[in-house]
Protein backbone atom coordinates (compact mmCIF):
# COMPACT_ATOMS: atom_id res chain seq x y z
CA UNK A 1 73.50 125.67 133.49
CA UNK A 2 71.57 124.25 130.51
CA UNK A 3 72.02 127.48 128.56
CA UNK A 4 75.76 127.37 129.17
CA UNK A 5 75.97 123.74 127.99
CA UNK A 6 73.92 124.57 124.89
CA UNK A 7 76.26 127.48 124.11
CA UNK A 8 79.33 125.24 124.43
CA UNK A 9 77.81 122.62 122.13
CA UNK A 10 76.81 125.29 119.59
CA UNK A 11 80.30 126.83 119.63
CA UNK A 12 81.94 123.41 119.19
CA UNK A 13 79.66 122.65 116.25
CA UNK A 14 80.45 125.96 114.57
CA UNK A 15 84.19 125.50 115.10
CA UNK A 16 84.17 121.96 113.70
CA UNK A 17 82.10 123.01 110.70
CA UNK A 18 84.34 126.00 110.03
CA UNK A 19 87.57 124.01 109.95
CA UNK A 20 86.39 121.64 107.20
CA UNK A 21 85.85 118.67 109.51
CA UNK A 22 83.92 115.74 108.09
CA UNK A 23 83.42 112.23 109.37
CA UNK A 24 86.09 109.68 108.51
CA UNK A 25 85.27 107.64 105.45
CA UNK A 26 83.11 110.35 103.91
CA UNK A 27 85.06 112.49 101.47
CA UNK A 28 83.15 114.58 98.94
CA UNK A 29 84.33 113.42 95.54
CA UNK A 30 84.75 115.90 92.70
CA UNK A 31 82.61 115.45 89.59
CA UNK A 32 85.51 114.03 87.58
CA UNK A 33 85.64 110.89 89.75
CA UNK A 34 81.93 110.39 90.37
CA UNK A 35 81.68 107.70 87.66
CA UNK A 36 85.14 106.10 87.57
CA UNK A 37 86.30 102.89 85.97
CA UNK A 38 88.56 100.82 88.20
CA UNK A 39 91.31 99.08 86.25
CA UNK A 40 93.36 96.47 88.12
CA UNK A 41 95.33 93.31 87.31
CA UNK A 42 93.61 91.46 90.19
CA UNK A 43 90.02 92.68 90.48
CA UNK A 44 89.37 90.55 93.58
CA UNK A 45 92.29 91.63 95.77
CA UNK A 46 91.57 92.98 99.26
CA UNK A 47 92.61 96.47 98.21
CA UNK A 48 90.50 96.60 95.03
CA UNK A 49 87.42 95.35 96.89
CA UNK A 50 88.01 97.92 99.67
CA UNK A 51 88.49 100.72 97.14
CA UNK A 52 85.32 99.70 95.29
CA UNK A 53 83.35 99.79 98.58
CA UNK A 54 84.89 103.12 99.61
CA UNK A 55 84.08 104.73 96.25
CA UNK A 56 80.49 103.47 96.35
CA UNK A 57 79.94 104.62 99.93
CA UNK A 58 81.11 108.10 98.95
CA UNK A 59 78.61 108.43 96.12
CA UNK A 60 80.60 107.20 93.13
CA UNK A 61 78.85 105.07 90.53
CA UNK A 62 81.47 102.66 89.19
CA UNK A 63 81.43 102.34 85.40
CA UNK A 64 81.52 98.88 83.84
CA UNK A 65 83.50 100.06 80.81
CA UNK A 66 86.36 102.54 80.62
CA UNK A 67 84.90 104.43 77.64
CA UNK A 68 81.74 105.23 79.64
CA UNK A 69 83.55 106.54 82.69
CA UNK A 70 84.44 110.02 83.88
CA UNK A 71 87.94 108.86 84.90
CA UNK A 72 90.05 105.72 84.96
CA UNK A 73 91.66 104.73 88.23
CA UNK A 74 94.50 102.35 87.36
CA UNK A 75 95.90 100.11 90.07
CA UNK A 76 99.46 99.55 88.87
CA UNK A 77 100.73 97.53 91.80
CA UNK A 78 98.97 95.60 94.56
CA UNK A 79 101.34 93.54 96.68
CA UNK A 80 101.57 92.09 100.16
CA UNK A 81 104.86 91.03 101.76
CA UNK A 82 105.83 89.42 105.04
CA UNK A 83 109.23 89.26 106.67
CA UNK A 84 110.54 87.90 109.94
CA UNK A 85 111.49 90.57 112.47
CA UNK A 86 112.74 88.40 115.32
CA UNK A 87 113.38 84.74 116.07
CA UNK A 88 113.52 82.66 119.24
CA UNK A 89 116.56 80.77 120.54
CA UNK A 90 115.18 77.73 118.66
CA UNK A 91 115.30 79.74 115.44
CA UNK A 92 111.48 79.97 115.27
CA UNK A 93 109.86 83.26 114.19
CA UNK A 94 108.60 85.38 117.11
CA UNK A 95 107.50 88.45 115.22
CA UNK A 96 106.57 89.32 111.65
CA UNK A 97 106.35 92.59 109.75
CA UNK A 98 103.75 92.73 106.98
CA UNK A 99 103.61 95.42 104.33
CA UNK A 100 100.80 96.14 101.88
CA UNK A 101 101.88 98.30 98.95
CA UNK A 102 99.75 99.77 96.18
CA UNK A 103 100.53 102.05 93.29
CA UNK A 104 97.86 103.87 91.30
CA UNK A 105 97.24 106.64 88.81
CA UNK A 106 94.16 108.52 87.60
CA UNK A 107 93.43 109.57 84.02
CA UNK A 108 90.46 111.45 82.60
CA UNK A 109 89.75 112.57 79.04
CA UNK A 110 93.26 111.74 77.87
CA UNK A 111 95.07 113.69 80.58
CA UNK A 112 96.72 112.49 83.75
CA UNK A 113 94.98 113.82 86.87
CA UNK A 114 97.24 111.96 89.29
CA UNK A 115 100.68 110.73 88.35
CA UNK A 116 101.56 107.20 89.48
CA UNK A 117 101.76 107.23 93.27
CA UNK A 118 102.84 104.52 95.66
CA UNK A 119 101.32 104.03 99.09
CA UNK A 120 102.40 101.50 101.70
CA UNK A 121 101.17 100.46 105.14
CA UNK A 122 103.22 98.35 107.55
CA UNK A 123 102.16 96.40 110.64
CA UNK A 124 103.90 94.01 113.00
CA UNK A 125 102.47 91.12 114.94
CA UNK A 126 103.82 88.50 117.30
CA UNK A 127 103.83 84.87 116.29
CA UNK A 128 103.51 81.70 118.33
CA UNK A 129 103.60 78.37 116.50
CA UNK A 130 101.33 76.84 119.17
CA UNK A 131 98.61 79.28 118.03
CA UNK A 132 99.16 78.77 114.32
CA UNK A 133 95.50 78.91 113.25
CA UNK A 134 94.74 82.02 115.35
CA UNK A 135 97.85 83.81 114.09
CA UNK A 136 96.87 83.00 110.51
CA UNK A 137 93.50 84.63 111.11
CA UNK A 138 95.23 87.60 112.74
CA UNK A 139 97.33 88.12 109.61
CA UNK A 140 94.21 87.91 107.42
CA UNK A 141 92.45 90.51 109.59
CA UNK A 142 95.49 92.79 109.48
CA UNK A 143 95.62 92.46 105.70
CA UNK A 144 91.95 93.47 105.39
CA UNK A 145 92.47 96.45 107.74
CA UNK A 146 95.53 97.55 105.80
CA UNK A 147 93.60 97.33 102.52
CA UNK A 148 90.85 99.54 104.00
CA UNK A 149 93.46 102.03 105.22
CA UNK A 150 95.03 102.19 101.76
CA UNK A 151 91.64 102.60 100.09
CA UNK A 152 90.88 105.50 102.45
CA UNK A 153 94.24 107.11 101.55
CA UNK A 154 93.44 106.83 97.84
CA UNK A 155 89.98 108.26 98.42
CA UNK A 156 91.43 111.29 100.24
CA UNK A 157 93.74 111.92 97.30
CA UNK A 158 90.86 111.63 94.86
CA UNK A 159 88.84 114.10 96.94
CA UNK A 160 91.60 116.71 96.45
CA UNK A 161 91.36 116.64 92.64
């Protein structure tokens, strides 16, 4: 029975390794983006901070100056919007839709590696004015999660260069 279980585990490991599987959040970065410079209008936005962390955790050494970098990742747009999806009979919001949109491009040695691309993530959440403080925190948490999701999407695109 133990031999059979060991064989199943070994086969599963070989199959996962053969299909290119790697753990989420770990994408091998090509040499051209191992020392990038991150250019953004708001360097302290949720998305920029998440992208900085994601790049560092995947082995990139962020350059402090663009002329000493292997590539320049330009964040062209970084916006967060909220709109009401439904209202109560008292005309109070019941549900919101929030959207986090980013646009970026990548340049290296005077050539464009990635043309400007736009990514967006949308979430909905219910709203209750009696729980105003809690719902405010929920929106902040959703915004941070969305920024991490967008940073992971950008990282996957960088890994394909």
